Structure formats: C-alpha cells, structure tokens
C-alpha atoms as a PDB file:
ATOM      1  CA  MET A   1      -1.577  36.194 185.598  1.00  0.00           C
ATOM      2  CA  SER A   2      -3.729  35.911 182.498  1.00  0.00           C
ATOM      3  CA  ILE A   3      -5.689  39.111 181.873  1.00  0.00           C
ATOM      4  CA  LYS A   4      -8.812  38.527 179.826  1.00  0.00           C
ATOM      5  CA  TYR A   5     -10.682  41.743 180.548  1.00  0.00           C
ATOM      6  CA  GLU A   6     -11.065  44.168 177.718  1.00  0.00           C
ATOM      7  CA  MET A   7      -9.021  47.364 178.008  1.00  0.00           C
ATOM      8  CA  ILE A   8      -9.712  50.681 176.332  1.00  0.00           C
ATOM      9  CA  ILE A   9      -6.433  52.543 175.798  1.00  0.00           C
ATOM     10  CA  TYR A  10      -6.143  56.137 174.657  1.00  0.00           C
ATOM     11  CA  TRP A  11      -3.820  59.117 174.845  1.00  0.00           C
ATOM     12  CA  SER A  12      -4.903  61.948 177.134  1.00  0.00           C
ATOM     13  CA  HIS A  13      -3.495  65.360 176.220  1.00  0.00           C
ATOM     14  CA  GLU A  14      -4.796  66.711 179.529  1.00  0.00           C
ATOM     15  CA  ASP A  15      -2.866  64.116 181.554  1.00  0.00           C
ATOM     16  CA  ASN A  16      -0.003  63.803 179.061  1.00  0.00           C
ATOM     17  CA  ALA A  17      -0.235  60.021 179.446  1.00  0.00           C
ATOM     18  CA  PHE A  18      -1.869  56.904 178.070  1.00  0.00           C
ATOM     19  CA  ILE A  19      -5.053  56.033 179.967  1.00  0.00           C
ATOM     20  CA  VAL A  20      -6.416  52.510 180.302  1.00  0.00           C
ATOM     21  CA  GLU A  21     -10.013  51.860 181.289  1.00  0.00           C
ATOM     22  CA  VAL A  22     -11.385  48.412 182.128  1.00  0.00           C
ATOM     23  CA  PRO A  23     -15.141  48.798 181.523  1.00  0.00           C
ATOM     24  CA  GLU A  24     -16.161  45.454 183.024  1.00  0.00           C
ATOM     25  CA  LEU A  25     -14.583  46.357 186.392  1.00  0.00           C
ATOM     26  CA  PRO A  26     -16.212  49.576 187.649  1.00  0.00           C
ATOM     27  CA  GLY A  27     -13.683  52.263 188.522  1.00  0.00           C
ATOM     28  CA  CYS A  28     -10.731  50.206 187.262  1.00  0.00           C
ATOM     29  CA  MET A  29      -8.316  52.536 185.468  1.00  0.00           C
ATOM     30  CA  ALA A  30      -4.574  53.056 185.090  1.00  0.00           C
ATOM     31  CA  ASP A  31      -2.181  55.299 183.234  1.00  0.00           C
ATOM     32  CA  GLY A  32       1.399  55.391 182.009  1.00  0.00           C
ATOM     33  CA  GLN A  33       3.857  57.510 180.078  1.00  0.00           C
ATOM     34  CA  THR A  34       4.110  54.810 177.389  1.00  0.00           C
ATOM     35  CA  TYR A  35       1.542  52.436 175.940  1.00  0.00           C
ATOM     36  CA  GLN A  36       3.402  49.460 177.427  1.00  0.00           C
ATOM     37  CA  GLU A  37       3.668  51.079 180.864  1.00  0.00           C
ATOM     38  CA  ALA A  38      -0.042  51.883 180.859  1.00  0.00           C
ATOM     39  CA  VAL A  39      -0.965  48.281 179.995  1.00  0.00           C
ATOM     40  CA  ALA A  40       1.421  46.887 182.638  1.00  0.00           C
ATOM     41  CA  ASN A  41      -0.069  49.242 185.234  1.00  0.00           C
ATOM     42  CA  ALA A  42      -3.578  48.221 184.196  1.00  0.00           C
ATOM     43  CA  GLU A  43      -2.701  44.546 184.652  1.00  0.00           C
ATOM     44  CA  MET A  44      -1.574  45.292 188.224  1.00  0.00           C
ATOM     45  CA  VAL A  45      -4.694  47.352 188.953  1.00  0.00           C
ATOM     46  CA  ILE A  46      -6.964  44.612 187.573  1.00  0.00           C
ATOM     47  CA  GLN A  47      -5.397  42.089 189.936  1.00  0.00           C
ATOM     48  CA  GLU A  48      -5.723  44.534 192.850  1.00  0.00           C
ATOM     49  CA  TRP A  49      -9.380  45.164 191.927  1.00  0.00           C
ATOM     50  CA  ILE A  50     -10.064  41.410 191.926  1.00  0.00           C
ATOM     51  CA  ASP A  51      -8.167  40.854 195.200  1.00  0.00           C
ATOM     52  CA  THR A  52     -10.093  43.669 196.903  1.00  0.00           C
ATOM     53  CA  ALA A  53     -13.437  42.395 195.617  1.00  0.00           C
ATOM     54  CA  ARG A  54     -12.637  38.932 196.998  1.00  0.00           C
ATOM     55  CA  GLU A  55     -11.634  40.378 200.389  1.00  0.00           C
ATOM     56  CA  LEU A  56     -14.909  42.311 200.553  1.00  0.00           C
ATOM     57  CA  GLY A  57     -16.990  39.340 199.433  1.00  0.00           C
ATOM     58  CA  ARG A  58     -18.128  41.082 196.260  1.00  0.00           C
ATOM     59  CA  SER A  59     -18.812  39.346 192.980  1.00  0.00           C
ATOM     60  CA  ILE A  60     -16.205  39.458 190.233  1.00  0.00           C
ATOM     61  CA  PRO A  61     -17.571  39.799 186.703  1.00  0.00           C
ATOM     62  CA  GLU A  62     -16.530  37.177 184.177  1.00  0.00           C
ATOM     63  CA  PRO A  63     -14.644  38.695 181.232  1.00  0.00           C
ATOM     64  CA  ARG A  64     -16.831  38.868 178.147  1.00  0.00           C
ATOM     65  CA  GLY A  65     -14.034  39.474 175.676  1.00  0.00           C
ATOM     66  CA  ARG A  66     -15.897  41.967 173.503  1.00  0.00           C
ATOM     67  CA  LEU A  67     -16.816  45.557 174.106  1.00  0.00           C
ATOM     68  CA  MET A  68     -20.416  45.504 175.256  1.00  0.00           C
ATOM     69  CA  PHE A  69     -20.600  49.090 176.483  1.00  0.00           C
ATOM     70  CA  ALA A  70     -20.395  51.181 173.303  1.00  0.00           C
END
C-alpha cells in the first residue's frame, strides 16, 4: 500500500507515546511506543479508514501532499 496522506507525528507526554494524526481523513489517528510503530499503526488505520468509507459509500479525499490545515 502506498500512503500519500500527510501525517502529523508528535510525542505526547500525557499518553507516553507518539501520536499520529491524518488531517485529511477526519478522526484518523494512531499511536505507538516508537516513532516507527506509530507510523506503521497509522498506515494500517488509514487503510481501515478508506475501507470503511468505501463500505459506507462515503467519499474518500484525495491526498493533497501539503499541510493545508495550519
């Protein structure tokens, strides 16, 4: 799977984990104890988000490739 959605990755002291947000896919987030684990988990969650949207007949945003939300 080729992930082209932008990911925002940061360390959360509260959760004691790396958090990954995918702004172009509402509600799409993941975490992990390492940076690599968080990104791998986010890749799985992105695919699940897309699969669920397809099953529900919802539109899937095209990746823009640049942060457009700041």
